[in-house]
Amino acid sequence: MRPAAQDRQAEVRIRTATHADATALADLSTQLGYPSTATEIERRLERLLPDAGQSLYVAETAEGAVVGWVHVASHCFLGDEGFADVAGLVVDERHRGRGIGRLLLAEAERWAVRHGHARMNVRSRVQRERAHRFYLDLDYLHVKDQRVFRKAIGPGGGDLR
């Protein structure tokens, strides 16, 4: 008999990411489709963690394993009231279906409200149908389709995936 979703959620705690999480974050980023090394993640954390306009939360098991993360960022635009954006969300493939993604997203939403946002945006690749159902189940609305254009403009900008 499988434990109820709430019981399974209780098996993890959500906390702010630290530099010590770099290896686990790299492994999870790779599962998300963005192959990364711990060194690359550590370099990114140097910029991300001190920035008050964004936050990174991890889901950690009682044994101390990081099994998911969510990155949330604040955006303010001249032509819009602005919003918080889920810049990434992933749960380890071995831990999916346990409510961990819901816990991470709820923490990101609380962060957004604390930072004065009334809206949360999520972008998800077209082929990620399971993720689309996840967001729709949590009352997110599919509001538009768009194309993303990218151009390398400096050192390190060569990977245009």
C-alpha atoms as a PDB file:
ATOM      1  CA  MET A   1       0.000   0.000   0.000  1.00  0.00           C
ATOM      2  CA  ARG A   2       1.434   3.384  -1.051  1.00  0.00           C
ATOM      3  CA  PRO A   3       1.348   6.246   1.445  1.00  0.00           C
ATOM      4  CA  ALA A   4      -1.069   9.088   0.776  1.00  0.00           C
ATOM      5  CA  ALA A   5       0.347  12.040  -1.173  1.00  0.00           C
ATOM      6  CA  GLN A   6       0.407  14.185   1.952  1.00  0.00           C
ATOM      7  CA  ASP A   7       2.424  11.545   3.823  1.00  0.00           C
ATOM      8  CA  ARG A   8       4.850  11.251   0.933  1.00  0.00           C
ATOM      9  CA  GLN A   9       5.207  15.064   0.825  1.00  0.00           C
ATOM     10  CA  ALA A  10       6.118  15.025   4.511  1.00  0.00           C
ATOM     11  CA  GLU A  11       9.188  12.976   3.601  1.00  0.00           C
ATOM     12  CA  VAL A  12      10.850  16.104   2.170  1.00  0.00           C
ATOM     13  CA  ARG A  13      11.491  19.610   3.343  1.00  0.00           C
ATOM     14  CA  ILE A  14      11.847  22.688   1.161  1.00  0.00           C
ATOM     15  CA  ARG A  15      14.789  24.959   1.868  1.00  0.00           C
ATOM     16  CA  THR A  16      16.877  27.591   0.141  1.00  0.00           C
ATOM     17  CA  ALA A  17      19.663  26.153  -1.998  1.00  0.00           C
ATOM     18  CA  THR A  18      23.293  26.565  -0.959  1.00  0.00           C
ATOM     19  CA  HIS A  19      26.639  26.170  -2.670  1.00  0.00           C
ATOM     20  CA  ALA A  20      26.924  22.713  -1.093  1.00  0.00           C
ATOM     21  CA  ASP A  21      24.049  21.588  -3.342  1.00  0.00           C
ATOM     22  CA  ALA A  22      25.953  22.172  -6.591  1.00  0.00           C
ATOM     23  CA  THR A  23      26.504  18.502  -7.482  1.00  0.00           C
ATOM     24  CA  ALA A  24      22.861  17.543  -6.881  1.00  0.00           C
ATOM     25  CA  LEU A  25      21.649  20.638  -8.750  1.00  0.00           C
ATOM     26  CA  ALA A  26      23.858  19.716 -11.710  1.00  0.00           C
ATOM     27  CA  ASP A  27      22.483  16.165 -11.790  1.00  0.00           C
ATOM     28  CA  LEU A  28      18.904  17.446 -11.670  1.00  0.00           C
ATOM     29  CA  SER A  29      19.591  20.103 -14.327  1.00  0.00           C
ATOM     30  CA  THR A  30      20.876  17.338 -16.575  1.00  0.00           C
ATOM     31  CA  GLN A  31      17.638  15.372 -15.993  1.00  0.00           C
ATOM     32  CA  LEU A  32      15.718  18.521 -16.955  1.00  0.00           C
ATOM     33  CA  GLY A  33      17.564  18.556 -20.270  1.00  0.00           C
ATOM     34  CA  TYR A  34      20.202  21.153 -19.471  1.00  0.00           C
ATOM     35  CA  PRO A  35      23.431  19.169 -18.961  1.00  0.00           C
ATOM     36  CA  SER A  36      25.559  20.912 -16.347  1.00  0.00           C
ATOM     37  CA  THR A  37      28.588  20.155 -14.251  1.00  0.00           C
ATOM     38  CA  ALA A  38      28.901  20.948 -10.559  1.00  0.00           C
ATOM     39  CA  THR A  39      31.555  23.532 -11.469  1.00  0.00           C
ATOM     40  CA  GLU A  40      29.184  25.268 -13.894  1.00  0.00           C
ATOM     41  CA  ILE A  41      26.385  25.248 -11.323  1.00  0.00           C
ATOM     42  CA  GLU A  42      28.700  26.607  -8.643  1.00  0.00           C
ATOM     43  CA  ARG A  43      29.662  29.502 -10.943  1.00  0.00           C
ATOM     44  CA  ARG A  44      25.966  30.229 -11.594  1.00  0.00           C
ATOM     45  CA  LEU A  45      25.154  30.070  -7.890  1.00  0.00           C
ATOM     46  CA  GLU A  46      27.771  32.780  -7.271  1.00  0.00           C
ATOM     47  CA  ARG A  47      25.553  35.167  -9.252  1.00  0.00           C
ATOM     48  CA  LEU A  48      22.137  33.779  -8.374  1.00  0.00           C
ATOM     49  CA  LEU A  49      22.179  33.280  -4.599  1.00  0.00           C
ATOM     50  CA  PRO A  50      22.970  36.877  -3.574  1.00  0.00           C
ATOM     51  CA  ASP A  51      20.394  38.335  -6.013  1.00  0.00           C
ATOM     52  CA  ALA A  52      17.280  39.437  -4.070  1.00  0.00           C
ATOM     53  CA  GLY A  53      15.286  39.376  -7.317  1.00  0.00           C
ATOM     54  CA  GLN A  54      15.378  35.602  -7.527  1.00  0.00           C
ATOM     55  CA  SER A  55      15.533  32.539  -5.344  1.00  0.00           C
ATOM     56  CA  LEU A  56      16.367  28.870  -5.642  1.00  0.00           C
ATOM     57  CA  TYR A  57      14.691  26.275  -3.437  1.00  0.00           C
ATOM     58  CA  VAL A  58      15.487  22.594  -3.100  1.00  0.00           C
ATOM     59  CA  ALA A  59      13.490  19.612  -1.889  1.00  0.00           C
ATOM     60  CA  GLU A  60      15.556  17.562   0.530  1.00  0.00           C
ATOM     61  CA  THR A  61      14.715  14.104   1.881  1.00  0.00           C
ATOM     62  CA  ALA A  62      15.022  13.188   5.558  1.00  0.00           C
ATOM     63  CA  GLU A  63      18.294  11.463   4.581  1.00  0.00           C
ATOM     64  CA  GLY A  64      19.675  14.738   3.183  1.00  0.00           C
ATOM     65  CA  ALA A  65      19.361  13.962  -0.539  1.00  0.00           C
ATOM     66  CA  VAL A  66      18.350  16.844  -2.781  1.00  0.00           C
ATOM     67  CA  VAL A  67      15.599  15.463  -5.037  1.00  0.00           C
ATOM     68  CA  GLY A  68      14.263  18.586  -6.730  1.00  0.00           C
ATOM     69  CA  TRP A  69      14.661  22.297  -7.241  1.00  0.00           C
ATOM     70  CA  VAL A  70      12.702  25.337  -8.353  1.00  0.00           C
ATOM     71  CA  HIS A  71      14.190  28.629  -9.507  1.00  0.00           C
ATOM     72  CA  VAL A  72      11.910  31.674  -9.298  1.00  0.00           C
ATOM     73  CA  ALA A  73      12.724  35.169 -10.545  1.00  0.00           C
ATOM     74  CA  SER A  74      11.093  38.571 -10.466  1.00  0.00           C
ATOM     75  CA  HIS A  75      10.493  40.455 -13.708  1.00  0.00           C
ATOM     76  CA  CYS A  76       9.423  44.051 -14.062  1.00  0.00           C
ATOM     77  CA  PHE A  77       8.686  45.613 -17.443  1.00  0.00           C
ATOM     78  CA  LEU A  78       7.777  49.085 -18.616  1.00  0.00           C
ATOM     79  CA  GLY A  79       4.765  47.814 -20.548  1.00  0.00           C
ATOM     80  CA  ASP A  80       3.477  45.439 -17.867  1.00  0.00           C
ATOM     81  CA  GLU A  81       2.993  45.189 -14.110  1.00  0.00           C
ATOM     82  CA  GLY A  82       5.580  42.452 -14.033  1.00  0.00           C
ATOM     83  CA  PHE A  83       5.405  38.945 -12.680  1.00  0.00           C
ATOM     84  CA  ALA A  84       7.355  36.172 -11.066  1.00  0.00           C
ATOM     85  CA  ASP A  85       8.689  33.539 -13.398  1.00  0.00           C
ATOM     86  CA  VAL A  86       9.461  29.895 -12.788  1.00  0.00           C
ATOM     87  CA  ALA A  87      12.881  29.798 -14.408  1.00  0.00           C
ATOM     88  CA  GLY A  88      13.125  26.045 -13.838  1.00  0.00           C
ATOM     89  CA  LEU A  89      11.504  23.220 -11.911  1.00  0.00           C
ATOM     90  CA  VAL A  90      12.643  19.608 -11.746  1.00  0.00           C
ATOM     91  CA  VAL A  91      12.084  16.617  -9.500  1.00  0.00           C
ATOM     92  CA  ASP A  92      14.368  13.609  -9.653  1.00  0.00           C
ATOM     93  CA  GLU A  93      12.804  11.017 -11.946  1.00  0.00           C
ATOM     94  CA  ARG A  94      12.903   8.449  -9.119  1.00  0.00           C
ATOM     95  CA  HIS A  95      10.836  10.735  -6.860  1.00  0.00           C
ATOM     96  CA  ARG A  96       8.194  12.029  -9.264  1.00  0.00           C
ATOM     97  CA  GLY A  97       4.521  11.563  -8.487  1.00  0.00           C
ATOM     98  CA  ARG A  98       5.006  12.172  -4.755  1.00  0.00           C
ATOM     99  CA  GLY A  99       3.833  15.803  -4.633  1.00  0.00           C
ATOM    100  CA  ILE A 100       7.355  17.226  -4.434  1.00  0.00           C
ATOM    101  CA  GLY A 101       6.878  19.423  -7.499  1.00  0.00           C
ATOM    102  CA  ARG A 102       3.715  20.854  -5.922  1.00  0.00           C
ATOM    103  CA  LEU A 103       5.616  21.678  -2.739  1.00  0.00           C
ATOM    104  CA  LEU A 104       8.406  23.382  -4.676  1.00  0.00           C
ATOM    105  CA  LEU A 105       5.973  25.375  -6.805  1.00  0.00           C
ATOM    106  CA  ALA A 106       3.977  26.432  -3.732  1.00  0.00           C
ATOM    107  CA  GLU A 107       7.195  27.764  -2.166  1.00  0.00           C
ATOM    108  CA  ALA A 108       7.986  29.688  -5.358  1.00  0.00           C
ATOM    109  CA  GLU A 109       4.465  31.158  -5.335  1.00  0.00           C
ATOM    110  CA  ARG A 110       4.855  32.264  -1.691  1.00  0.00           C
ATOM    111  CA  TRP A 111       8.169  33.918  -2.620  1.00  0.00           C
ATOM    112  CA  ALA A 112       6.431  35.731  -5.496  1.00  0.00           C
ATOM    113  CA  VAL A 113       3.670  37.055  -3.245  1.00  0.00           C
ATOM    114  CA  ARG A 114       6.238  38.237  -0.661  1.00  0.00           C
ATOM    115  CA  HIS A 115       7.965  40.124  -3.486  1.00  0.00           C
ATOM    116  CA  GLY A 116       4.777  41.922  -4.498  1.00  0.00           C
ATOM    117  CA  HIS A 117       3.715  39.848  -7.501  1.00  0.00           C
ATOM    118  CA  ALA A 118       0.129  39.022  -8.363  1.00  0.00           C
ATOM    119  CA  ARG A 119       1.016  36.687 -11.271  1.00  0.00           C
ATOM    120  CA  MET A 120       3.311  33.752 -11.834  1.00  0.00           C
ATOM    121  CA  ASN A 121       4.465  32.718 -15.298  1.00  0.00           C
ATOM    122  CA  VAL A 122       5.838  29.379 -16.411  1.00  0.00           C
ATOM    123  CA  ARG A 123       7.322  28.521 -19.784  1.00  0.00           C
ATOM    124  CA  SER A 124       7.490  24.894 -20.790  1.00  0.00           C
ATOM    125  CA  ARG A 125       8.831  23.285 -23.941  1.00  0.00           C
ATOM    126  CA  VAL A 126       6.174  22.066 -26.354  1.00  0.00           C
ATOM    127  CA  GLN A 127       7.155  18.406 -25.977  1.00  0.00           C
ATOM    128  CA  ARG A 128       6.831  18.395 -22.154  1.00  0.00           C
ATOM    129  CA  GLU A 129       3.230  17.245 -22.099  1.00  0.00           C
ATOM    130  CA  ARG A 130       3.459  15.778 -18.588  1.00  0.00           C
ATOM    131  CA  ALA A 131       4.668  19.150 -17.286  1.00  0.00           C
ATOM    132  CA  HIS A 132       1.816  20.901 -19.094  1.00  0.00           C
ATOM    133  CA  ARG A 133      -0.731  18.662 -17.342  1.00  0.00           C
ATOM    134  CA  PHE A 134       1.032  19.333 -14.022  1.00  0.00           C
ATOM    135  CA  TYR A 135       0.645  23.101 -14.387  1.00  0.00           C
ATOM    136  CA  LEU A 136      -2.919  22.887 -15.694  1.00  0.00           C
ATOM    137  CA  ASP A 137      -3.833  20.704 -12.698  1.00  0.00           C
ATOM    138  CA  LEU A 138      -2.529  23.494 -10.454  1.00  0.00           C
ATOM    139  CA  ASP A 139      -4.798  26.109 -12.087  1.00  0.00           C
ATOM    140  CA  TYR A 140      -2.201  27.615 -14.405  1.00  0.00           C
ATOM    141  CA  LEU A 141      -3.734  28.738 -17.703  1.00  0.00           C
ATOM    142  CA  HIS A 142      -2.161  28.218 -21.111  1.00  0.00           C
ATOM    143  CA  VAL A 143      -2.168  31.835 -22.331  1.00  0.00           C
ATOM    144  CA  LYS A 144       0.051  31.890 -25.415  1.00  0.00           C
ATOM    145  CA  ASP A 145       2.485  30.114 -27.667  1.00  0.00           C
ATOM    146  CA  GLN A 146       5.641  31.867 -28.721  1.00  0.00           C
ATOM    147  CA  ARG A 147       8.994  31.395 -30.369  1.00  0.00           C
ATOM    148  CA  VAL A 148      12.231  32.109 -28.573  1.00  0.00           C
ATOM    149  CA  PHE A 149      15.110  33.636 -30.505  1.00  0.00           C
ATOM    150  CA  ARG A 150      18.650  33.636 -29.190  1.00  0.00           C
ATOM    151  CA  LYS A 151      21.970  35.095 -30.308  1.00  0.00           C
ATOM    152  CA  ALA A 152      25.445  34.589 -28.849  1.00  0.00           C
ATOM    153  CA  ILE A 153      26.870  38.024 -28.048  1.00  0.00           C
ATOM    154  CA  GLY A 154      29.930  37.306 -25.936  1.00  0.00           C
ATOM    155  CA  PRO A 155      32.299  34.755 -24.422  1.00  0.00           C
ATOM    156  CA  GLY A 156      30.472  31.652 -23.263  1.00  0.00           C
ATOM    157  CA  GLY A 157      27.393  32.440 -25.358  1.00  0.00           C
ATOM    158  CA  GLY A 158      27.983  29.699 -27.902  1.00  0.00           C
ATOM    159  CA  ASP A 159      25.487  27.115 -26.630  1.00  0.00           C
ATOM    160  CA  LEU A 160      22.228  28.329 -28.137  1.00  0.00           C
ATOM    161  CA  ARG A 161      19.940  25.407 -27.188  1.00  0.00           C
END
